[in-house]
């Protein structure tokens, strides 16, 4: 059986194909959400760390040196509050010698599907480790991911699955910024527990 398309039918078919391609690309682009002007989809599950609640603690071990401060950036969609971290010296063998820490305020069980999401940038392109770890020695990590920041605001997501219970001693969430000197900005940092991993 042969199908013969007249010019009008061919034009309609071409428009439909182009329209579907644009629609698919638009959906993909909105999921990536890599600019500060776009508001990402709300995370599901139980929020363990939220931008509004827990305060950051800056911890340094000599010879590392760092300072943090808060600022407002109206270009961020939603909450304009952001944190500015300046690392002036590091210990070359301890990337955790300059770190931001938040204690996870709720117990977390093993085999839970977790996600960390935040906006970040670095005009000096300074990298950092995003870490979810035991709250006591030996501070075994469950998430230990290097993020290489760009000078523009970008949305970062780090999914992971817990391998142990953090119930008697709660976990720590950290940004280990002792890799190299530089400046990092962070905003809207949240950690969500999405329940038992499938």
N, C-alpha and C. Protein backbone atom coordinates (compact mmCIF):
# COMPACT_ATOMS: atom_id res chain seq x y z
N UNK A 1 0.84 -1.18 0.00
CA UNK A 1 0.00 0.00 0.00
C UNK A 1 0.89 1.24 0.00
N UNK A 2 0.65 2.13 -0.94
CA UNK A 2 1.43 3.35 -1.03
C UNK A 2 0.65 4.51 -0.44
N UNK A 3 1.38 5.38 0.32
CA UNK A 3 0.75 6.59 0.86
C UNK A 3 1.31 7.77 0.08
N UNK A 4 0.42 8.54 -0.50
CA UNK A 4 0.82 9.70 -1.28
C UNK A 4 0.43 10.95 -0.50
N UNK A 5 1.42 11.80 -0.19
CA UNK A 5 1.16 13.04 0.53
C UNK A 5 1.15 14.20 -0.45
N UNK A 6 0.10 14.97 -0.41
CA UNK A 6 0.02 16.19 -1.20
C UNK A 6 0.80 17.28 -0.45
N UNK A 7 1.17 18.37 -1.11
CA UNK A 7 1.96 19.43 -0.45
C UNK A 7 1.33 19.93 0.84
N UNK A 8 0.01 20.07 0.88
CA UNK A 8 -0.66 20.55 2.10
C UNK A 8 -0.51 19.52 3.22
N UNK A 9 -0.67 18.25 2.89
CA UNK A 9 -0.52 17.19 3.90
C UNK A 9 0.90 17.10 4.41
N UNK A 10 1.87 17.26 3.50
CA UNK A 10 3.27 17.24 3.89
C UNK A 10 3.60 18.40 4.83
N UNK A 11 3.05 19.58 4.54
CA UNK A 11 3.28 20.75 5.40
C UNK A 11 2.71 20.53 6.79
N UNK A 12 1.51 19.93 6.87
CA UNK A 12 0.89 19.65 8.17
C UNK A 12 1.72 18.64 8.96
N UNK A 13 2.18 17.58 8.26
CA UNK A 13 3.01 16.57 8.91
C UNK A 13 4.31 17.17 9.43
N UNK A 14 4.93 18.02 8.62
CA UNK A 14 6.19 18.67 9.03
C UNK A 14 5.98 19.57 10.25
N UNK A 15 4.88 20.33 10.25
CA UNK A 15 4.56 21.19 11.41
C UNK A 15 4.34 20.36 12.66
N UNK A 16 3.67 19.22 12.52
CA UNK A 16 3.41 18.35 13.68
C UNK A 16 4.71 17.80 14.25
N UNK A 17 5.62 17.35 13.37
CA UNK A 17 6.91 16.81 13.83
C UNK A 17 7.73 17.90 14.53
N UNK A 18 7.80 19.09 13.94
CA UNK A 18 8.55 20.20 14.55
C UNK A 18 7.92 20.59 15.89
N UNK A 19 6.61 20.64 15.94
CA UNK A 19 5.91 20.98 17.19
C UNK A 19 6.20 19.99 18.30
N UNK A 20 6.18 18.69 17.97
CA UNK A 20 6.49 17.66 18.97
C UNK A 20 7.94 17.78 19.45
N UNK A 21 8.85 18.07 18.51
CA UNK A 21 10.26 18.23 18.90
C UNK A 21 10.43 19.42 19.84
N UNK A 22 9.79 20.54 19.54
CA UNK A 22 9.87 21.72 20.42
C UNK A 22 9.27 21.45 21.78
N UNK A 23 8.15 20.73 21.79
CA UNK A 23 7.50 20.39 23.05
C UNK A 23 8.39 19.51 23.90
N UNK A 24 9.00 18.50 23.28
CA UNK A 24 9.90 17.60 24.02
C UNK A 24 11.10 18.36 24.55
N UNK A 25 11.69 19.25 23.73
CA UNK A 25 12.84 20.03 24.18
C UNK A 25 12.46 20.96 25.31
N UNK A 26 11.29 21.57 25.23
CA UNK A 26 10.81 22.46 26.29
C UNK A 26 10.66 21.74 27.60
N UNK A 27 10.13 20.53 27.56
CA UNK A 27 9.99 19.75 28.80
C UNK A 27 11.35 19.40 29.37
N UNK A 28 12.28 19.00 28.51
CA UNK A 28 13.62 18.68 28.99
C UNK A 28 14.28 19.90 29.62
N UNK A 29 14.17 21.04 28.95
CA UNK A 29 14.82 22.25 29.45
C UNK A 29 14.27 22.65 30.81
N UNK A 30 12.96 22.53 31.02
CA UNK A 30 12.38 22.95 32.30
C UNK A 30 12.80 22.02 33.42
N UNK A 31 13.08 20.74 33.13
CA UNK A 31 13.54 19.82 34.16
C UNK A 31 14.96 20.15 34.58
N UNK A 32 15.78 20.57 33.61
CA UNK A 32 17.17 20.89 33.94
C UNK A 32 17.24 22.11 34.82
N UNK A 33 16.47 23.17 34.49
CA UNK A 33 16.36 24.36 35.34
C UNK A 33 17.69 24.91 35.78
N UNK A 34 18.57 25.26 34.86
CA UNK A 34 19.92 25.64 35.25
C UNK A 34 20.14 27.14 35.43
N UNK A 35 19.09 27.94 35.32
CA UNK A 35 19.28 29.37 35.54
C UNK A 35 18.57 29.81 36.81
N UNK A 36 19.10 30.87 37.42
CA UNK A 36 18.55 31.34 38.69
C UNK A 36 17.16 31.95 38.52
N UNK A 37 16.77 32.28 37.30
CA UNK A 37 15.46 32.89 37.07
C UNK A 37 14.34 31.87 37.08
N UNK A 38 14.68 30.59 36.93
CA UNK A 38 13.66 29.54 36.90
C UNK A 38 13.48 28.94 38.28
N UNK A 39 12.23 28.65 38.64
CA UNK A 39 11.95 28.02 39.92
C UNK A 39 11.82 26.52 39.71
N UNK A 40 12.66 25.69 40.36
CA UNK A 40 12.60 24.25 40.14
C UNK A 40 11.35 23.63 40.77
N UNK A 41 11.02 22.43 40.32
CA UNK A 41 9.90 21.71 40.90
C UNK A 41 10.17 21.46 42.38
N UNK A 42 9.08 21.42 43.16
CA UNK A 42 9.21 21.17 44.59
C UNK A 42 9.62 19.72 44.81
N UNK A 43 10.58 19.51 45.72
CA UNK A 43 11.01 18.16 46.03
C UNK A 43 9.94 17.45 46.86
N UNK A 44 9.83 16.14 46.66
CA UNK A 44 8.89 15.35 47.44
C UNK A 44 9.61 14.73 48.63
N UNK A 45 8.84 14.26 49.59
CA UNK A 45 9.41 13.59 50.75
C UNK A 45 9.52 14.52 51.95
N UNK A 46 10.26 14.07 52.93
CA UNK A 46 10.43 14.80 54.18
C UNK A 46 11.70 15.66 54.11
N UNK A 47 11.54 16.94 54.30
CA UNK A 47 12.68 17.86 54.24
C UNK A 47 13.46 17.77 55.54
N UNK A 48 14.71 17.31 55.46
CA UNK A 48 15.56 17.17 56.65
C UNK A 48 16.32 18.46 56.94
N UNK A 49 16.79 19.10 55.89
CA UNK A 49 17.49 20.37 56.03
C UNK A 49 16.84 21.36 55.08
N UNK A 50 16.49 22.51 55.61
CA UNK A 50 15.84 23.53 54.80
C UNK A 50 16.63 24.82 54.88
N UNK A 51 16.49 25.66 53.87
CA UNK A 51 17.24 26.92 53.87
C UNK A 51 16.89 27.83 55.04
N UNK A 52 15.64 27.77 55.51
CA UNK A 52 15.18 28.71 56.54
C UNK A 52 15.53 28.30 57.96
N UNK A 53 15.75 27.00 58.19
CA UNK A 53 15.82 26.51 59.56
C UNK A 53 17.23 26.45 60.13
N UNK A 54 17.94 25.41 59.81
CA UNK A 54 19.23 25.16 60.45
C UNK A 54 20.29 26.18 60.02
N UNK A 55 21.12 26.56 60.96
CA UNK A 55 22.20 27.51 60.68
C UNK A 55 23.47 26.76 60.29
N UNK A 56 24.26 27.37 59.45
CA UNK A 56 25.55 26.80 59.09
C UNK A 56 26.57 27.08 60.18
N UNK A 57 27.47 26.13 60.39
CA UNK A 57 28.63 26.32 61.24
C UNK A 57 29.85 26.22 60.34
N UNK A 58 30.75 27.20 60.44
CA UNK A 58 31.99 27.15 59.68
C UNK A 58 33.08 26.57 60.57
N UNK A 59 33.72 25.50 60.09
CA UNK A 59 34.78 24.85 60.83
C UNK A 59 36.06 24.86 60.00
N UNK A 60 37.15 25.32 60.61
CA UNK A 60 38.44 25.31 59.92
C UNK A 60 39.50 24.70 60.82
N UNK A 61 40.45 24.03 60.19
CA UNK A 61 41.60 23.47 60.90
C UNK A 61 42.86 24.05 60.26
N UNK A 62 43.72 24.64 61.08
CA UNK A 62 44.94 25.25 60.55
C UNK A 62 45.74 24.23 59.76
N UNK A 63 46.34 24.65 58.65
CA UNK A 63 46.57 26.02 58.18
C UNK A 63 45.39 26.61 57.37
N UNK A 64 44.29 25.87 57.23
CA UNK A 64 43.16 26.38 56.46
C UNK A 64 42.56 27.62 57.14
N UNK A 65 42.03 28.53 56.32
CA UNK A 65 41.39 29.73 56.84
C UNK A 65 40.24 30.10 55.90
N UNK A 66 39.10 30.47 56.51
CA UNK A 66 37.92 30.82 55.71
C UNK A 66 37.00 31.73 56.51
N UNK A 67 36.16 32.47 55.80
CA UNK A 67 35.14 33.33 56.42
C UNK A 67 33.85 33.16 55.64
N UNK A 68 32.72 33.27 56.35
CA UNK A 68 31.43 33.22 55.67
C UNK A 68 30.60 34.44 56.03
N UNK A 69 29.73 34.81 55.11
CA UNK A 69 28.81 35.92 55.35
C UNK A 69 27.54 35.67 54.56
N UNK A 70 26.47 36.36 54.93
CA UNK A 70 25.19 36.23 54.24
C UNK A 70 24.96 37.46 53.36
N UNK A 71 24.23 37.29 52.25
CA UNK A 71 23.88 38.41 51.39
C UNK A 71 22.56 38.12 50.68
N UNK A 72 22.00 39.14 50.06
CA UNK A 72 20.75 39.00 49.30
C UNK A 72 21.06 39.11 47.81
N UNK A 73 20.45 38.22 47.02
CA UNK A 73 20.59 38.27 45.57
C UNK A 73 19.20 38.15 44.97
N UNK A 74 18.68 39.26 44.48
CA UNK A 74 17.32 39.31 43.94
C UNK A 74 17.16 38.51 42.65
N UNK A 75 18.26 38.10 42.02
CA UNK A 75 18.15 37.31 40.79
C UNK A 75 17.73 35.87 41.07
N UNK A 76 17.85 35.45 42.33
CA UNK A 76 17.43 34.09 42.70
C UNK A 76 15.91 34.02 42.75
N UNK A 77 15.35 32.97 42.17
CA UNK A 77 13.90 32.77 42.21
C UNK A 77 13.54 32.26 43.60
N UNK A 78 12.56 32.87 44.23
CA UNK A 78 12.18 32.45 45.59
C UNK A 78 13.00 33.19 46.63
N UNK A 79 13.56 32.45 47.57
CA UNK A 79 14.32 33.04 48.67
C UNK A 79 15.61 33.68 48.16
N UNK A 80 15.80 35.01 48.37
CA UNK A 80 17.00 35.67 47.86
C UNK A 80 18.22 35.56 48.79
N UNK A 81 18.06 34.93 49.96
CA UNK A 81 19.17 34.82 50.91
C UNK A 81 20.21 33.82 50.40
N UNK A 82 21.47 34.21 50.48
CA UNK A 82 22.55 33.34 50.03
C UNK A 82 23.73 33.47 50.98
N UNK A 83 24.61 32.48 50.91
CA UNK A 83 25.80 32.44 51.77
C UNK A 83 27.03 32.62 50.89
N UNK A 84 27.94 33.45 51.34
CA UNK A 84 29.20 33.69 50.63
C UNK A 84 30.34 33.15 51.48
N UNK A 85 31.11 32.24 50.91
CA UNK A 85 32.24 31.62 51.61
C UNK A 85 33.53 32.00 50.89
N UNK A 86 34.48 32.54 51.66
CA UNK A 86 35.79 32.88 51.13
C UNK A 86 36.82 32.00 51.82
N UNK A 87 37.51 31.19 51.04
CA UNK A 87 38.57 30.31 51.56
C UNK A 87 39.90 30.92 51.14
N UNK A 88 40.70 31.32 52.14
CA UNK A 88 41.97 32.00 51.82
C UNK A 88 43.19 31.07 51.92
N UNK A 89 43.03 29.94 52.65
CA UNK A 89 44.14 28.99 52.77
C UNK A 89 43.55 27.60 53.01
N UNK A 90 44.24 26.57 52.52
CA UNK A 90 43.77 25.19 52.68
C UNK A 90 44.91 24.30 53.17
N UNK A 91 44.54 23.13 53.64
CA UNK A 91 45.50 22.08 53.95
C UNK A 91 45.48 21.13 52.75
N UNK A 92 46.55 21.00 52.00
CA UNK A 92 46.52 20.22 50.76
C UNK A 92 46.19 18.74 50.93
N UNK A 93 46.29 18.21 52.14
CA UNK A 93 45.98 16.79 52.33
C UNK A 93 44.64 16.57 53.05
N UNK A 94 43.94 17.64 53.43
CA UNK A 94 42.65 17.50 54.12
C UNK A 94 41.64 18.45 53.49
N UNK A 95 40.84 17.94 52.54
CA UNK A 95 39.86 18.82 51.89
C UNK A 95 38.74 19.23 52.84
N UNK A 96 38.64 18.60 53.99
CA UNK A 96 37.64 18.96 55.00
C UNK A 96 38.18 19.97 56.00
N UNK A 97 39.37 20.51 55.76
CA UNK A 97 39.96 21.46 56.72
C UNK A 97 39.24 22.81 56.72
N UNK A 98 38.42 23.06 55.70
CA UNK A 98 37.54 24.24 55.68
C UNK A 98 36.18 23.73 55.24
N UNK A 99 35.23 23.73 56.16
CA UNK A 99 33.93 23.15 55.81
C UNK A 99 32.77 23.86 56.50
N UNK A 100 31.64 23.87 55.78
CA UNK A 100 30.37 24.32 56.34
C UNK A 100 29.63 23.07 56.80
N UNK A 101 29.03 23.14 58.00
CA UNK A 101 28.37 21.97 58.57
C UNK A 101 26.96 22.33 59.04
N UNK A 102 26.02 21.43 58.75
CA UNK A 102 24.69 21.48 59.37
C UNK A 102 24.42 20.10 59.94
N UNK A 103 24.05 20.05 61.20
CA UNK A 103 23.67 18.77 61.80
C UNK A 103 22.28 18.42 61.32
N UNK A 104 22.09 17.19 60.84
CA UNK A 104 20.77 16.75 60.39
C UNK A 104 19.90 16.58 61.64
N UNK A 105 18.80 17.34 61.78
CA UNK A 105 18.05 17.35 63.04
C UNK A 105 17.12 16.16 63.27
N UNK A 106 17.00 15.26 62.29
CA UNK A 106 16.08 14.12 62.43
C UNK A 106 16.83 12.82 62.14
N UNK A 107 16.35 11.72 62.72
CA UNK A 107 16.99 10.44 62.41
C UNK A 107 16.76 10.03 60.96
N UNK A 108 17.73 9.33 60.40
CA UNK A 108 17.64 8.84 59.03
C UNK A 108 17.99 7.35 59.05
N UNK A 109 17.17 6.55 58.39
CA UNK A 109 17.40 5.10 58.38
C UNK A 109 18.14 4.67 57.12
N UNK A 110 18.70 3.45 57.19
CA UNK A 110 19.40 2.88 56.04
C UNK A 110 18.43 2.61 54.90
N UNK A 111 18.95 2.56 53.69
CA UNK A 111 18.21 2.25 52.48
C UNK A 111 17.10 3.27 52.20
N UNK A 112 17.39 4.54 52.47
CA UNK A 112 16.44 5.60 52.14
C UNK A 112 16.96 6.40 50.95
N UNK A 113 16.04 6.75 50.08
CA UNK A 113 16.33 7.52 48.87
C UNK A 113 16.41 9.00 49.26
N UNK A 114 17.58 9.60 49.11
CA UNK A 114 17.82 10.98 49.54
C UNK A 114 18.18 11.84 48.34
N UNK A 115 17.96 13.14 48.48
CA UNK A 115 18.41 14.07 47.45
C UNK A 115 18.82 15.39 48.11
N UNK A 116 19.94 15.93 47.64
CA UNK A 116 20.43 17.24 48.04
C UNK A 116 20.22 18.16 46.84
N UNK A 117 19.66 19.35 47.09
CA UNK A 117 19.48 20.31 46.00
C UNK A 117 19.80 21.71 46.48
N UNK A 118 20.48 22.48 45.63
CA UNK A 118 20.87 23.84 46.01
C UNK A 118 21.30 24.61 44.76
N UNK A 119 21.34 25.94 44.91
CA UNK A 119 21.91 26.81 43.90
C UNK A 119 23.35 27.11 44.31
N UNK A 120 24.25 27.14 43.36
CA UNK A 120 25.64 27.44 43.68
C UNK A 120 26.33 28.16 42.53
N UNK A 121 27.38 28.89 42.88
CA UNK A 121 28.22 29.54 41.87
C UNK A 121 29.57 29.85 42.51
N UNK A 122 30.55 30.12 41.67
CA UNK A 122 31.87 30.52 42.16
C UNK A 122 32.55 31.33 41.07
N UNK A 123 32.79 32.60 41.32
CA UNK A 123 33.45 33.43 40.31
C UNK A 123 34.90 32.99 40.12
N UNK A 124 35.44 32.26 41.10
CA UNK A 124 36.80 31.73 40.98
C UNK A 124 36.80 30.27 40.52
N UNK A 125 35.61 29.74 40.20
CA UNK A 125 35.44 28.34 39.76
C UNK A 125 36.01 27.35 40.77
N UNK A 126 35.83 27.65 42.04
CA UNK A 126 36.35 26.82 43.13
C UNK A 126 35.45 25.60 43.34
N UNK A 127 36.01 24.39 43.36
CA UNK A 127 35.20 23.20 43.61
C UNK A 127 35.01 22.96 45.11
N UNK A 128 34.05 22.09 45.44
CA UNK A 128 33.81 21.69 46.83
C UNK A 128 33.20 20.30 46.84
N UNK A 129 33.35 19.60 47.96
CA UNK A 129 32.70 18.31 48.15
C UNK A 129 31.37 18.53 48.86
N UNK A 130 30.31 17.90 48.36
CA UNK A 130 29.01 17.87 49.03
C UNK A 130 28.95 16.55 49.77
N UNK A 131 28.77 16.60 51.10
CA UNK A 131 28.97 15.41 51.94
C UNK A 131 27.79 15.19 52.88
N UNK A 132 27.35 13.93 52.98
CA UNK A 132 26.41 13.47 54.00
C UNK A 132 27.15 12.37 54.74
N UNK A 133 27.36 12.55 56.04
CA UNK A 133 28.25 11.64 56.78
C UNK A 133 27.72 11.32 58.17
N UNK A 134 28.37 10.32 58.80
CA UNK A 134 28.07 10.00 60.19
C UNK A 134 28.36 11.23 61.05
N UNK A 135 27.56 11.41 62.11
CA UNK A 135 27.74 12.56 62.98
C UNK A 135 28.83 12.39 64.02
N UNK A 136 29.49 11.22 64.05
CA UNK A 136 30.57 10.97 65.01
C UNK A 136 31.70 10.25 64.28
N UNK A 137 32.87 10.24 64.90
CA UNK A 137 34.03 9.57 64.32
C UNK A 137 33.71 8.11 64.04
N UNK A 138 34.07 7.55 62.90
CA UNK A 138 35.03 8.05 61.91
C UNK A 138 34.42 8.91 60.80
N UNK A 139 33.19 9.39 60.97
CA UNK A 139 32.54 10.27 59.98
C UNK A 139 32.49 9.64 58.58
N UNK A 140 32.10 8.36 58.54
CA UNK A 140 31.98 7.66 57.26
C UNK A 140 30.95 8.35 56.38
N UNK A 141 31.30 8.56 55.12
CA UNK A 141 30.41 9.31 54.22
C UNK A 141 29.42 8.40 53.49
N UNK A 142 28.23 8.93 53.29
CA UNK A 142 27.20 8.27 52.47
C UNK A 142 27.13 8.96 51.10
N UNK A 143 27.39 10.25 51.10
CA UNK A 143 27.48 11.03 49.87
C UNK A 143 28.76 11.84 49.96
N UNK A 144 29.56 11.78 48.90
CA UNK A 144 30.83 12.51 48.87
C UNK A 144 31.10 12.87 47.42
N UNK A 145 30.46 13.94 46.96
CA UNK A 145 30.48 14.29 45.53
C UNK A 145 31.16 15.63 45.31
N UNK A 146 32.09 15.67 44.37
CA UNK A 146 32.75 16.93 44.01
C UNK A 146 31.84 17.71 43.07
N UNK A 147 31.61 18.98 43.40
CA UNK A 147 30.86 19.87 42.53
C UNK A 147 31.83 20.94 42.03
N UNK A 148 31.87 21.10 40.72
CA UNK A 148 32.74 22.10 40.11
C UNK A 148 31.85 23.29 39.71
N UNK A 149 31.89 24.33 40.52
CA UNK A 149 31.00 25.47 40.34
C UNK A 149 31.41 26.33 39.14
N UNK A 150 30.42 26.96 38.55
CA UNK A 150 30.62 27.91 37.46
C UNK A 150 30.41 29.32 38.00
N UNK A 151 30.82 30.36 37.27
CA UNK A 151 30.63 31.73 37.77
C UNK A 151 29.16 32.15 37.84
N UNK A 152 28.27 31.49 37.08
CA UNK A 152 26.85 31.83 37.11
C UNK A 152 26.11 30.89 38.05
N UNK A 153 24.99 31.37 38.61
CA UNK A 153 24.14 30.52 39.44
C UNK A 153 23.70 29.30 38.63
N UNK A 154 23.75 28.14 39.25
CA UNK A 154 23.31 26.90 38.62
C UNK A 154 22.66 26.03 39.68
N UNK A 155 21.64 25.29 39.29
CA UNK A 155 20.95 24.37 40.20
C UNK A 155 21.67 23.03 40.19
N UNK A 156 22.01 22.54 41.40
CA UNK A 156 22.70 21.26 41.54
C UNK A 156 21.82 20.29 42.30
N UNK A 157 21.80 19.03 41.87
CA UNK A 157 21.07 17.97 42.57
C UNK A 157 22.01 16.78 42.75
N UNK A 158 22.04 16.24 43.97
CA UNK A 158 22.90 15.10 44.28
C UNK A 158 22.05 14.01 44.94
N UNK A 159 21.52 13.06 44.17
CA UNK A 159 20.76 11.96 44.79
C UNK A 159 21.70 10.89 45.34
N UNK A 160 21.27 10.21 46.39
CA UNK A 160 22.04 9.09 46.95
C UNK A 160 21.11 8.24 47.81
N UNK A 161 21.58 7.04 48.16
CA UNK A 161 20.82 6.12 49.02
C UNK A 161 21.65 5.85 50.26
N UNK A 162 21.04 5.98 51.44
CA UNK A 162 21.77 5.72 52.68
C UNK A 162 22.07 4.22 52.82
N UNK A 163 23.20 3.92 53.43
CA UNK A 163 23.60 2.52 53.62
C UNK A 163 23.58 2.11 55.09
N UNK A 164 23.38 3.08 55.99
CA UNK A 164 23.35 2.75 57.42
C UNK A 164 22.36 3.66 58.14
N UNK A 165 21.99 3.25 59.36
CA UNK A 165 21.09 4.06 60.18
C UNK A 165 21.85 5.23 60.81
N UNK A 166 21.21 6.38 60.85
CA UNK A 166 21.72 7.55 61.57
C UNK A 166 20.63 7.94 62.56
N UNK A 167 20.45 7.09 63.57
CA UNK A 167 19.34 7.29 64.50
C UNK A 167 19.81 7.65 65.90
N UNK A 168 20.73 6.88 66.46
CA UNK A 168 21.25 7.21 67.80
C UNK A 168 22.07 8.49 67.76
N UNK A 169 22.93 8.59 66.76
CA UNK A 169 23.71 9.82 66.53
C UNK A 169 23.31 10.31 65.15
N UNK A 170 22.79 11.52 65.09
CA UNK A 170 22.32 12.06 63.82
C UNK A 170 23.47 12.35 62.87
N UNK A 171 23.14 12.39 61.59
CA UNK A 171 24.14 12.63 60.55
C UNK A 171 24.53 14.11 60.47
N UNK A 172 25.60 14.38 59.76
CA UNK A 172 26.02 15.73 59.42
C UNK A 172 25.90 15.93 57.92
N UNK A 173 25.54 17.13 57.53
CA UNK A 173 25.58 17.51 56.12
C UNK A 173 26.64 18.60 56.00
N UNK A 174 27.56 18.45 55.05
CA UNK A 174 28.70 19.36 54.96
C UNK A 174 28.98 19.80 53.53
N UNK A 175 29.57 20.97 53.44
CA UNK A 175 30.18 21.44 52.20
C UNK A 175 31.67 21.58 52.52
N UNK A 176 32.45 20.63 52.03
CA UNK A 176 33.89 20.63 52.30
C UNK A 176 34.59 21.46 51.23
N UNK A 177 35.03 22.64 51.62
CA UNK A 177 35.56 23.61 50.66
C UNK A 177 37.06 23.80 50.78
N UNK A 178 37.76 22.82 51.32
CA UNK A 178 39.20 22.95 51.51
C UNK A 178 40.02 22.39 50.37
N UNK A 179 39.46 22.32 49.16
CA UNK A 179 40.21 21.81 48.01
C UNK A 179 41.22 22.85 47.53
N UNK A 180 40.74 24.08 47.36
CA UNK A 180 41.63 25.15 46.91
C UNK A 180 41.06 26.49 47.36
N UNK A 181 41.90 27.51 47.53
CA UNK A 181 41.39 28.83 47.91
C UNK A 181 40.45 29.37 46.83
N UNK A 182 39.50 30.18 47.27
CA UNK A 182 38.56 30.78 46.33
C UNK A 182 37.29 31.22 47.03
N UNK A 183 36.26 31.52 46.24
CA UNK A 183 34.99 32.02 46.76
C UNK A 183 33.84 31.17 46.22
N UNK A 184 32.88 30.86 47.09
CA UNK A 184 31.71 30.06 46.72
C UNK A 184 30.47 30.72 47.28
N UNK A 185 29.40 30.77 46.47
CA UNK A 185 28.10 31.24 46.91
C UNK A 185 27.12 30.08 46.87
N UNK A 186 26.30 29.96 47.92
CA UNK A 186 25.31 28.88 48.01
C UNK A 186 23.97 29.47 48.41
N UNK A 187 22.88 28.88 47.90
CA UNK A 187 21.54 29.36 48.25
C UNK A 187 20.54 28.20 48.18
N UNK A 188 19.47 28.34 48.96
CA UNK A 188 18.34 27.39 48.95
C UNK A 188 18.80 25.94 49.08
N UNK A 189 19.72 25.68 49.99
CA UNK A 189 20.22 24.32 50.21
C UNK A 189 19.17 23.50 50.96
N UNK A 190 18.81 22.34 50.41
CA UNK A 190 17.88 21.46 51.11
C UNK A 190 18.27 20.01 50.90
N UNK A 191 17.95 19.19 51.92
CA UNK A 191 18.18 17.75 51.88
C UNK A 191 16.84 17.09 52.18
N UNK A 192 16.38 16.23 51.26
CA UNK A 192 15.07 15.58 51.43
C UNK A 192 15.22 14.08 51.49
N UNK A 193 14.46 13.47 52.41
CA UNK A 193 14.35 12.02 52.55
C UNK A 193 13.09 11.60 51.81
N UNK A 194 13.25 10.87 50.69
CA UNK A 194 12.11 10.49 49.87
C UNK A 194 11.57 9.10 50.19
N UNK A 195 12.00 8.55 51.36
CA UNK A 195 11.46 7.28 51.80
C UNK A 195 12.34 6.10 51.40
N UNK A 196 11.83 4.90 51.66
CA UNK A 196 12.57 3.68 51.41
C UNK A 196 12.89 3.57 49.92
N UNK A 197 14.16 3.27 49.62
CA UNK A 197 14.59 3.17 48.23
C UNK A 197 13.95 1.95 47.57
N UNK A 198 13.59 2.09 46.31
CA UNK A 198 12.94 1.00 45.57
C UNK A 198 13.97 0.18 44.81
